[in-house]
PDB file of all heavy atoms in Angstrom:
ATOM      1  N   LEU A   1      71.179  97.570  84.898  1.00  0.00           N
ATOM      2  CA  LEU A   1      71.849  96.314  85.027  1.00  0.00           C
ATOM      3  C   LEU A   1      71.797  95.680  86.463  1.00  0.00           C
ATOM      4  O   LEU A   1      71.782  94.500  86.638  1.00  0.00           O
ATOM      5  CB  LEU A   1      73.287  96.388  84.708  1.00  0.00           C
ATOM      6  CG  LEU A   1      73.617  96.331  83.228  1.00  0.00           C
ATOM      7  CD1 LEU A   1      75.132  96.571  82.981  1.00  0.00           C
ATOM      8  CD2 LEU A   1      73.235  94.946  82.626  1.00  0.00           C
ATOM      9  N   PHE A   2      71.678  96.581  87.462  1.00  0.00           N
ATOM     10  CA  PHE A   2      71.554  96.062  88.880  1.00  0.00           C
ATOM     11  C   PHE A   2      70.404  95.123  89.029  1.00  0.00           C
ATOM     12  O   PHE A   2      70.431  94.209  89.719  1.00  0.00           O
ATOM     13  CB  PHE A   2      71.377  97.293  89.766  1.00  0.00           C
ATOM     14  CG  PHE A   2      72.765  97.975  90.133  1.00  0.00           C
ATOM     15  CD1 PHE A   2      73.203  98.958  89.399  1.00  0.00           C
ATOM     16  CD2 PHE A   2      73.581  97.322  91.079  1.00  0.00           C
ATOM     17  CE1 PHE A   2      74.468  99.588  89.746  1.00  0.00           C
ATOM     18  CE2 PHE A   2      74.808  97.975  91.423  1.00  0.00           C
ATOM     19  CZ  PHE A   2      75.217  98.992  90.742  1.00  0.00           C
ATOM     20  N   ALA A   3      69.271  95.490  88.354  1.00  0.00           N
ATOM     21  CA  ALA A   3      68.088  94.642  88.491  1.00  0.00           C
ATOM     22  C   ALA A   3      68.217  93.268  87.683  1.00  0.00           C
ATOM     23  O   ALA A   3      67.616  92.329  88.096  1.00  0.00           O
ATOM     24  CB  ALA A   3      66.833  95.399  87.993  1.00  0.00           C
ATOM     25  N   ARG A   4      68.920  93.391  86.574  1.00  0.00           N
ATOM     26  CA  ARG A   4      69.017  92.211  85.749  1.00  0.00           C
ATOM     27  C   ARG A   4      70.176  91.293  86.056  1.00  0.00           C
ATOM     28  O   ARG A   4      70.131  90.078  85.952  1.00  0.00           O
ATOM     29  CB  ARG A   4      69.251  92.677  84.226  1.00  0.00           C
ATOM     30  CG  ARG A   4      67.972  93.392  83.727  1.00  0.00           C
ATOM     31  CD  ARG A   4      68.182  93.744  82.300  1.00  0.00           C
ATOM     32  NE  ARG A   4      68.141  92.515  81.400  1.00  0.00           N
ATOM     33  CZ  ARG A   4      68.261  92.567  80.160  1.00  0.00           C
ATOM     34  NH1 ARG A   4      68.560  93.603  79.502  1.00  0.00           N
ATOM     35  NH2 ARG A   4      68.235  91.398  79.401  1.00  0.00           N
ATOM     36  N   SER A   5      71.316  91.899  86.456  1.00  0.00           N
ATOM     37  CA  SER A   5      72.539  91.132  86.677  1.00  0.00           C
ATOM     38  C   SER A   5      73.494  91.746  87.612  1.00  0.00           C
ATOM     39  O   SER A   5      74.201  92.653  87.147  1.00  0.00           O
ATOM     40  CB  SER A   5      73.311  90.913  85.251  1.00  0.00           C
ATOM     41  OG  SER A   5      74.517  90.224  85.556  1.00  0.00           O
ATOM     42  N   PRO A   6      73.454  91.346  88.854  1.00  0.00           N
ATOM     43  CA  PRO A   6      74.375  91.932  89.790  1.00  0.00           C
ATOM     44  C   PRO A   6      75.825  91.734  89.394  1.00  0.00           C
ATOM     45  O   PRO A   6      76.638  92.674  89.672  1.00  0.00           O
ATOM     46  CB  PRO A   6      74.079  91.161  91.107  1.00  0.00           C
ATOM     47  CG  PRO A   6      72.736  90.701  90.943  1.00  0.00           C
ATOM     48  CD  PRO A   6      72.559  90.392  89.458  1.00  0.00           C
ATOM     49  N   PHE A   7      76.101  90.676  88.790  1.00  0.00           N
ATOM     50  CA  PHE A   7      77.526  90.363  88.341  1.00  0.00           C
ATOM     51  C   PHE A   7      77.945  91.526  87.417  1.00  0.00           C
ATOM     52  O   PHE A   7      79.005  92.158  87.630  1.00  0.00           O
ATOM     53  CB  PHE A   7      77.596  89.033  87.633  1.00  0.00           C
ATOM     54  CG  PHE A   7      78.904  88.768  87.047  1.00  0.00           C
ATOM     55  CD1 PHE A   7      80.038  88.403  87.736  1.00  0.00           C
ATOM     56  CD2 PHE A   7      79.168  88.863  85.609  1.00  0.00           C
ATOM     57  CE1 PHE A   7      81.298  88.159  87.168  1.00  0.00           C
ATOM     58  CE2 PHE A   7      80.381  88.616  85.043  1.00  0.00           C
ATOM     59  CZ  PHE A   7      81.424  88.198  85.833  1.00  0.00           C
ATOM     60  N   PHE A   8      77.267  91.725  86.355  1.00  0.00           N
ATOM     61  CA  PHE A   8      77.601  92.777  85.344  1.00  0.00           C
ATOM     62  C   PHE A   8      77.509  94.144  85.918  1.00  0.00           C
ATOM     63  O   PHE A   8      78.382  95.062  85.545  1.00  0.00           O
ATOM     64  CB  PHE A   8      76.867  92.659  84.048  1.00  0.00           C
ATOM     65  CG  PHE A   8      77.332  91.497  83.210  1.00  0.00           C
ATOM     66  CD1 PHE A   8      76.506  90.394  83.046  1.00  0.00           C
ATOM     67  CD2 PHE A   8      78.517  91.564  82.511  1.00  0.00           C
ATOM     68  CE1 PHE A   8      76.915  89.277  82.282  1.00  0.00           C
ATOM     69  CE2 PHE A   8      78.960  90.504  81.674  1.00  0.00           C
ATOM     70  CZ  PHE A   8      78.147  89.342  81.561  1.00  0.00           C
ATOM     71  N   SER A   9      76.557  94.349  86.765  1.00  0.00           N
ATOM     72  CA  SER A   9      76.379  95.777  87.242  1.00  0.00           C
ATOM     73  C   SER A   9      77.571  96.110  88.204  1.00  0.00           C
ATOM     74  O   SER A   9      78.102  97.261  88.110  1.00  0.00           O
ATOM     75  CB  SER A   9      75.099  95.861  88.032  1.00  0.00           C
ATOM     76  OG  SER A   9      75.054  95.023  89.168  1.00  0.00           O
ATOM     77  N   TYR A  10      78.019  95.161  88.942  1.00  0.00           N
ATOM     78  CA  TYR A  10      79.176  95.468  89.889  1.00  0.00           C
ATOM     79  C   TYR A  10      80.475  95.737  88.988  1.00  0.00           C
ATOM     80  O   TYR A  10      81.163  96.690  89.257  1.00  0.00           O
ATOM     81  CB  TYR A  10      79.431  94.204  90.796  1.00  0.00           C
ATOM     82  CG  TYR A  10      80.672  94.247  91.555  1.00  0.00           C
ATOM     83  CD1 TYR A  10      80.707  95.235  92.696  1.00  0.00           C
ATOM     84  CD2 TYR A  10      81.826  93.677  91.257  1.00  0.00           C
ATOM     85  CE1 TYR A  10      81.818  95.413  93.468  1.00  0.00           C
ATOM     86  CE2 TYR A  10      82.978  93.848  92.049  1.00  0.00           C
ATOM     87  CZ  TYR A  10      82.943  94.687  93.144  1.00  0.00           C
ATOM     88  OH  TYR A  10      84.176  94.874  93.903  1.00  0.00           O
ATOM     89  N   LEU A  11      80.656  94.901  88.005  1.00  0.00           N
ATOM     90  CA  LEU A  11      81.821  95.096  87.135  1.00  0.00           C
ATOM     91  C   LEU A  11      81.789  96.420  86.376  1.00  0.00           C
ATOM     92  O   LEU A  11      82.785  97.075  86.074  1.00  0.00           O
ATOM     93  CB  LEU A  11      82.069  93.865  86.164  1.00  0.00           C
ATOM     94  CG  LEU A  11      82.408  92.597  86.847  1.00  0.00           C
ATOM     95  CD1 LEU A  11      82.537  91.511  85.858  1.00  0.00           C
ATOM     96  CD2 LEU A  11      83.743  92.756  87.646  1.00  0.00           C
ATOM     97  N   SER A  12      80.566  96.780  85.948  1.00  0.00           N
ATOM     98  CA  SER A  12      80.324  98.070  85.210  1.00  0.00           C
ATOM     99  C   SER A  12      80.847  99.282  86.011  1.00  0.00           C
ATOM    100  O   SER A  12      81.122 100.339  85.402  1.00  0.00           O
ATOM    101  CB  SER A  12      78.897  98.195  84.748  1.00  0.00           C
ATOM    102  OG  SER A  12      78.066  98.611  85.846  1.00  0.00           O
ATOM    103  N   LEU A  13      80.864  99.152  87.331  1.00  0.00           N
ATOM    104  CA  LEU A  13      81.260 100.274  88.186  1.00  0.00           C
ATOM    105  C   LEU A  13      82.747 100.686  87.942  1.00  0.00           C
ATOM    106  O   LEU A  13      83.135 101.797  88.224  1.00  0.00           O
ATOM    107  CB  LEU A  13      80.953 100.030  89.621  1.00  0.00           C
ATOM    108  CG  LEU A  13      79.535  99.851  89.986  1.00  0.00           C
ATOM    109  CD1 LEU A  13      79.407  99.367  91.484  1.00  0.00           C
ATOM    110  CD2 LEU A  13      78.725 101.109  89.756  1.00  0.00           C
ATOM    111  N   TYR A  14      83.492  99.780  87.408  1.00  0.00           N
ATOM    112  CA  TYR A  14      84.950 100.056  87.117  1.00  0.00           C
ATOM    113  C   TYR A  14      85.064 100.745  85.766  1.00  0.00           C
ATOM    114  O   TYR A  14      86.274 101.106  85.494  1.00  0.00           O
ATOM    115  CB  TYR A  14      85.750  98.707  87.202  1.00  0.00           C
ATOM    116  CG  TYR A  14      85.747  98.239  88.618  1.00  0.00           C
ATOM    117  CD1 TYR A  14      84.861  97.190  89.071  1.00  0.00           C
ATOM    118  CD2 TYR A  14      86.696  98.648  89.515  1.00  0.00           C
ATOM    119  CE1 TYR A  14      84.991  96.756  90.372  1.00  0.00           C
ATOM    120  CE2 TYR A  14      86.826  98.214  90.839  1.00  0.00           C
ATOM    121  CZ  TYR A  14      85.883  97.302  91.165  1.00  0.00           C
ATOM    122  OH  TYR A  14      85.937  96.848  92.530  1.00  0.00           O
ATOM    123  N   LEU A  15      84.126 100.788  84.970  1.00  0.00           N
ATOM    124  CA  LEU A  15      84.217 101.456  83.714  1.00  0.00           C
ATOM    125  C   LEU A  15      84.216 102.897  83.797  1.00  0.00           C
ATOM    126  O   LEU A  15      83.496 103.528  84.532  1.00  0.00           O
ATOM    127  CB  LEU A  15      83.110 101.052  82.732  1.00  0.00           C
ATOM    128  CG  LEU A  15      83.009  99.615  82.342  1.00  0.00           C
ATOM    129  CD1 LEU A  15      81.756  99.376  81.490  1.00  0.00           C
ATOM    130  CD2 LEU A  15      84.228  99.074  81.586  1.00  0.00           C
ATOM    131  N   LYS A  16      85.077 103.565  83.088  1.00  0.00           N
ATOM    132  CA  LYS A  16      85.149 105.034  82.999  1.00  0.00           C
ATOM    133  C   LYS A  16      84.742 105.458  81.601  1.00  0.00           C
ATOM    134  O   LYS A  16      85.413 105.093  80.602  1.00  0.00           O
ATOM    135  CB  LYS A  16      86.568 105.498  83.358  1.00  0.00           C
ATOM    136  CG  LYS A  16      87.006 105.197  84.764  1.00  0.00           C
ATOM    137  CD  LYS A  16      88.513 105.493  84.978  1.00  0.00           C
ATOM    138  CE  LYS A  16      89.475 104.411  84.622  1.00  0.00           C
ATOM    139  NZ  LYS A  16      89.531 103.099  84.871  1.00  0.00           N
ATOM    140  N   PHE A  17      83.610 106.120  81.518  1.00  0.00           N
ATOM    141  CA  PHE A  17      83.056 106.560  80.240  1.00  0.00           C
ATOM    142  C   PHE A  17      83.888 107.702  79.714  1.00  0.00           C
ATOM    143  O   PHE A  17      84.060 108.717  80.312  1.00  0.00           O
ATOM    144  CB  PHE A  17      81.588 107.015  80.428  1.00  0.00           C
ATOM    145  CG  PHE A  17      80.658 105.886  80.810  1.00  0.00           C
ATOM    146  CD1 PHE A  17      79.663 106.197  81.727  1.00  0.00           C
ATOM    147  CD2 PHE A  17      80.786 104.547  80.421  1.00  0.00           C
ATOM    148  CE1 PHE A  17      78.803 105.277  82.258  1.00  0.00           C
ATOM    149  CE2 PHE A  17      80.019 103.562  80.940  1.00  0.00           C
ATOM    150  CZ  PHE A  17      78.980 103.895  81.857  1.00  0.00           C
ATOM    151  N   LYS A  18      84.239 107.595  78.431  1.00  0.00           N
ATOM    152  CA  LYS A  18      85.057 108.612  77.740  1.00  0.00           C
ATOM    153  C   LYS A  18      84.630 108.633  76.260  1.00  0.00           C
ATOM    154  O   LYS A  18      84.611 107.656  75.634  1.00  0.00           O
ATOM    155  CB  LYS A  18      86.590 108.290  77.752  1.00  0.00           C
ATOM    156  CG  LYS A  18      87.075 108.216  79.159  1.00  0.00           C
ATOM    157  CD  LYS A  18      88.572 108.277  79.176  1.00  0.00           C
ATOM    158  CE  LYS A  18      89.039 108.154  80.599  1.00  0.00           C
ATOM    159  NZ  LYS A  18      89.370 109.294  81.300  1.00  0.00           N
ATOM    160  N   GLU A  19      84.142 109.909  75.879  1.00  0.00           N
ATOM    161  CA  GLU A  19      83.727 110.001  74.425  1.00  0.00           C
ATOM    162  C   GLU A  19      85.008 109.951  73.522  1.00  0.00           C
ATOM    163  O   GLU A  19      85.991 110.562  73.825  1.00  0.00           O
ATOM    164  CB  GLU A  19      83.010 111.316  74.256  1.00  0.00           C
ATOM    165  CG  GLU A  19      82.436 111.472  72.818  1.00  0.00           C
ATOM    166  CD  GLU A  19      81.579 112.685  72.621  1.00  0.00           C
ATOM    167  OE1 GLU A  19      81.562 113.556  73.472  1.00  0.00           O
ATOM    168  OE2 GLU A  19      80.913 112.669  71.574  1.00  0.00           O
ATOM    169  N   ASP A  20      84.834 109.269  72.345  1.00  0.00           N
ATOM    170  CA  ASP A  20      85.881 109.264  71.388  1.00  0.00           C
ATOM    171  C   ASP A  20      86.122 110.594  70.798  1.00  0.00           C
ATOM    172  O   ASP A  20      85.173 111.315  70.441  1.00  0.00           O
ATOM    173  CB  ASP A  20      85.538 108.181  70.302  1.00  0.00           C
ATOM    174  CG  ASP A  20      86.725 107.828  69.484  1.00  0.00           C
ATOM    175  OD1 ASP A  20      87.923 107.860  70.047  1.00  0.00           O
ATOM    176  OD2 ASP A  20      86.545 107.361  68.330  1.00  0.00           O
ATOM    177  N   ASP A  21      87.308 111.059  70.712  1.00  0.00           N
ATOM    178  CA  ASP A  21      87.688 112.339  70.174  1.00  0.00           C
ATOM    179  C   ASP A  21      87.794 112.199  68.669  1.00  0.00           C
ATOM    180  O   ASP A  21      88.624 111.518  68.111  1.00  0.00           O
ATOM    181  CB  ASP A  21      89.075 112.797  70.712  1.00  0.00           C
ATOM    182  CG  ASP A  21      89.464 114.165  70.236  1.00  0.00           C
ATOM    183  OD1 ASP A  21      88.710 114.763  69.386  1.00  0.00           O
ATOM    184  OD2 ASP A  21      90.514 114.665  70.696  1.00  0.00           O
ATOM    185  N   LEU A  22      86.865 112.772  67.969  1.00  0.00           N
ATOM    186  CA  LEU A  22      86.754 112.551  66.491  1.00  0.00           C
ATOM    187  C   LEU A  22      87.926 113.308  65.795  1.00  0.00           C
ATOM    188  O   LEU A  22      88.229 112.895  64.612  1.00  0.00           O
ATOM    189  CB  LEU A  22      85.460 113.148  65.919  1.00  0.00           C
ATOM    190  CG  LEU A  22      84.224 112.322  66.501  1.00  0.00           C
ATOM    191  CD1 LEU A  22      82.947 112.945  65.963  1.00  0.00           C
ATOM    192  CD2 LEU A  22      84.288 110.925  66.201  1.00  0.00           C
ATOM    193  N   LYS A  23      88.612 114.207  66.381  1.00  0.00           N
ATOM    194  CA  LYS A  23      89.825 114.782  65.853  1.00  0.00           C
ATOM    195  C   LYS A  23      90.973 113.898  65.906  1.00  0.00           C
ATOM    196  O   LYS A  23      91.873 113.902  65.035  1.00  0.00           O
ATOM    197  CB  LYS A  23      90.136 116.168  66.506  1.00  0.00           C
ATOM    198  CG  LYS A  23      89.113 117.169  66.363  1.00  0.00           C
ATOM    199  CD  LYS A  23      89.435 118.453  67.064  1.00  0.00           C
ATOM    200  CE  LYS A  23      88.280 119.505  67.019  1.00  0.00           C
ATOM    201  NZ  LYS A  23      88.465 120.586  67.879  1.00  0.00           N
ATOM    202  N   CYS A  24      90.984 113.064  66.944  1.00  0.00           N
ATOM    203  CA  CYS A  24      92.085 112.074  67.102  1.00  0.00           C
ATOM    204  C   CYS A  24      91.424 110.823  67.638  1.00  0.00           C
ATOM    205  O   CYS A  24      91.586 110.485  68.864  1.00  0.00           O
ATOM    206  CB  CYS A  24      93.113 112.648  68.086  1.00  0.00           C
ATOM    207  SG  CYS A  24      94.497 111.442  68.278  1.00  0.00           S
ATOM    208  N   PRO A  25      90.751 110.027  66.823  1.00  0.00           N
ATOM    209  CA  PRO A  25      89.983 108.909  67.275  1.00  0.00           C
ATOM    210  C   PRO A  25      90.704 107.717  67.824  1.00  0.00           C
ATOM    211  O   PRO A  25      91.790 107.496  67.327  1.00  0.00           O
ATOM    212  CB  PRO A  25      89.065 108.526  66.041  1.00  0.00           C
ATOM    213  CG  PRO A  25      89.861 109.068  64.923  1.00  0.00           C
ATOM    214  CD  PRO A  25      90.630 110.262  65.392  1.00  0.00           C
ATOM    215  N   GLN A  26      90.223 107.187  68.848  1.00  0.00           N
ATOM    216  CA  GLN A  26      90.844 105.968  69.448  1.00  0.00           C
ATOM    217  C   GLN A  26      90.187 104.676  68.895  1.00  0.00           C
ATOM    218  O   GLN A  26      90.757 103.628  68.845  1.00  0.00           O
ATOM    219  CB  GLN A  26      90.773 106.001  70.900  1.00  0.00           C
ATOM    220  CG  GLN A  26      91.582 107.007  71.545  1.00  0.00           C
ATOM    221  CD  GLN A  26      91.391 106.981  73.092  1.00  0.00           C
ATOM    222  OE1 GLN A  26      90.466 107.536  73.640  1.00  0.00           O
ATOM    223  NE2 GLN A  26      92.305 106.210  73.801  1.00  0.00           N
ATOM    224  N   LEU A  27      88.869 104.795  68.496  1.00  0.00           N
ATOM    225  CA  LEU A  27      88.128 103.704  67.971  1.00  0.00           C
ATOM    226  C   LEU A  27      88.401 103.495  66.478  1.00  0.00           C
ATOM    227  O   LEU A  27      88.528 104.510  65.827  1.00  0.00           O
ATOM    228  CB  LEU A  27      86.685 103.857  68.230  1.00  0.00           C
ATOM    229  CG  LEU A  27      86.204 103.867  69.627  1.00  0.00           C
ATOM    230  CD1 LEU A  27      84.732 104.288  69.751  1.00  0.00           C
ATOM    231  CD2 LEU A  27      86.408 102.468  70.290  1.00  0.00           C
ATOM    232  N   PRO A  28      88.291 102.235  66.007  1.00  0.00           N
ATOM    233  CA  PRO A  28      88.355 102.019  64.606  1.00  0.00           C
ATOM    234  C   PRO A  28      87.134 102.718  63.892  1.00  0.00           C
ATOM    235  O   PRO A  28      86.116 102.929  64.543  1.00  0.00           O
ATOM    236  CB  PRO A  28      88.271 100.543  64.405  1.00  0.00           C
ATOM    237  CG  PRO A  28      88.608 100.004  65.765  1.00  0.00           C
ATOM    238  CD  PRO A  28      88.270 101.000  66.779  1.00  0.00           C
ATOM    239  N   GLU A  29      87.158 103.033  62.662  1.00  0.00           N
ATOM    240  CA  GLU A  29      86.125 103.724  61.967  1.00  0.00           C
ATOM    241  C   GLU A  29      84.762 103.051  62.053  1.00  0.00           C
ATOM    242  O   GLU A  29      83.752 103.754  62.207  1.00  0.00           O
ATOM    243  CB  GLU A  29      86.515 103.853  60.492  1.00  0.00           C
ATOM    244  CG  GLU A  29      85.563 104.756  59.698  1.00  0.00           C
ATOM    245  CD  GLU A  29      85.999 104.975  58.218  1.00  0.00           C
ATOM    246  OE1 GLU A  29      87.228 104.970  58.005  1.00  0.00           O
ATOM    247  OE2 GLU A  29      85.137 104.982  57.383  1.00  0.00           O
ATOM    248  N   ASN A  30      84.745 101.777  62.074  1.00  0.00           N
ATOM    249  CA  ASN A  30      83.450 101.011  62.086  1.00  0.00           C
ATOM    250  C   ASN A  30      82.891 100.739  63.530  1.00  0.00           C
ATOM    251  O   ASN A  30      81.878 100.150  63.663  1.00  0.00           O
ATOM    252  CB  ASN A  30      83.523  99.733  61.291  1.00  0.00           C
ATOM    253  CG  ASN A  30      84.590  98.815  61.880  1.00  0.00           C
ATOM    254  OD1 ASN A  30      85.435  99.244  62.636  1.00  0.00           O
ATOM    255  ND2 ASN A  30      84.467  97.486  61.467  1.00  0.00           N
ATOM    256  N   ALA A  31      83.635 101.124  64.547  1.00  0.00           N
ATOM    257  CA  ALA A  31      83.250 100.769  65.871  1.00  0.00           C
ATOM    258  C   ALA A  31      82.541 101.952  66.515  1.00  0.00           C
ATOM    259  O   ALA A  31      82.813 103.103  66.275  1.00  0.00           O
ATOM    260  CB  ALA A  31      84.544 100.515  66.814  1.00  0.00           C
ATOM    261  N   GLY A  32      81.485 101.589  67.332  1.00  0.00           N
ATOM    262  CA  GLY A  32      80.708 102.633  68.065  1.00  0.00           C
ATOM    263  C   GLY A  32      81.112 102.680  69.566  1.00  0.00           C
ATOM    264  O   GLY A  32      80.949 103.691  70.161  1.00  0.00           O
ATOM    265  N   MET A  33      81.786 101.565  70.052  1.00  0.00           N
ATOM    266  CA  MET A  33      82.159 101.532  71.394  1.00  0.00           C
ATOM    267  C   MET A  33      83.301 100.577  71.574  1.00  0.00           C
ATOM    268  O   MET A  33      83.372  99.562  70.808  1.00  0.00           O
ATOM    269  CB  MET A  33      80.966 101.141  72.284  1.00  0.00           C
ATOM    270  CG  MET A  33      81.217 101.394  73.766  1.00  0.00           C
ATOM    271  SD  MET A  33      79.678 100.952  74.768  1.00  0.00           S
ATOM    272  CE  MET A  33      78.578 102.298  74.296  1.00  0.00           C
ATOM    273  N   GLY A  34      84.140 100.746  72.514  1.00  0.00           N
ATOM    274  CA  GLY A  34      85.176  99.848  72.785  1.00  0.00           C
ATOM    275  C   GLY A  34      85.785 100.101  74.210  1.00  0.00           C
ATOM    276  O   GLY A  34      85.400 101.119  74.751  1.00  0.00           O
ATOM    277  N   VAL A  35      86.593  99.236  74.650  1.00  0.00           N
ATOM    278  CA  VAL A  35      87.171  99.308  75.969  1.00  0.00           C
ATOM    279  C   VAL A  35      88.726  99.203  75.847  1.00  0.00           C
ATOM    280  O   VAL A  35      89.205  98.473  75.004  1.00  0.00           O
ATOM    281  CB  VAL A  35      86.579  98.367  76.951  1.00  0.00           C
ATOM    282  CG1 VAL A  35      86.921  96.942  76.550  1.00  0.00           C
ATOM    283  CG2 VAL A  35      86.840  98.650  78.399  1.00  0.00           C
ATOM    284  N   ASP A  36      89.457  99.863  76.740  1.00  0.00           N
ATOM    285  CA  ASP A  36      90.887  99.743  76.711  1.00  0.00           C
ATOM    286  C   ASP A  36      91.315  99.017  77.980  1.00  0.00           C
ATOM    287  O   ASP A  36      90.475  98.685  78.835  1.00  0.00           O
ATOM    288  CB  ASP A  36      91.586 101.081  76.509  1.00  0.00           C
ATOM    289  CG  ASP A  36      91.515 102.011  77.648  1.00  0.00           C
ATOM    290  OD1 ASP A  36      91.095 101.569  78.815  1.00  0.00           O
ATOM    291  OD2 ASP A  36      91.853 103.223  77.524  1.00  0.00           O
TER     292      ASP A  36
END
């Protein structure tokens, strides 16, 4: 993203990647990714 969009790449640095726990899911059944 740094090469394509400095705006989005900068904001992406604030994201913390966390895998959804399938035993106690946070995402709805049909979602693959989401943000809190």
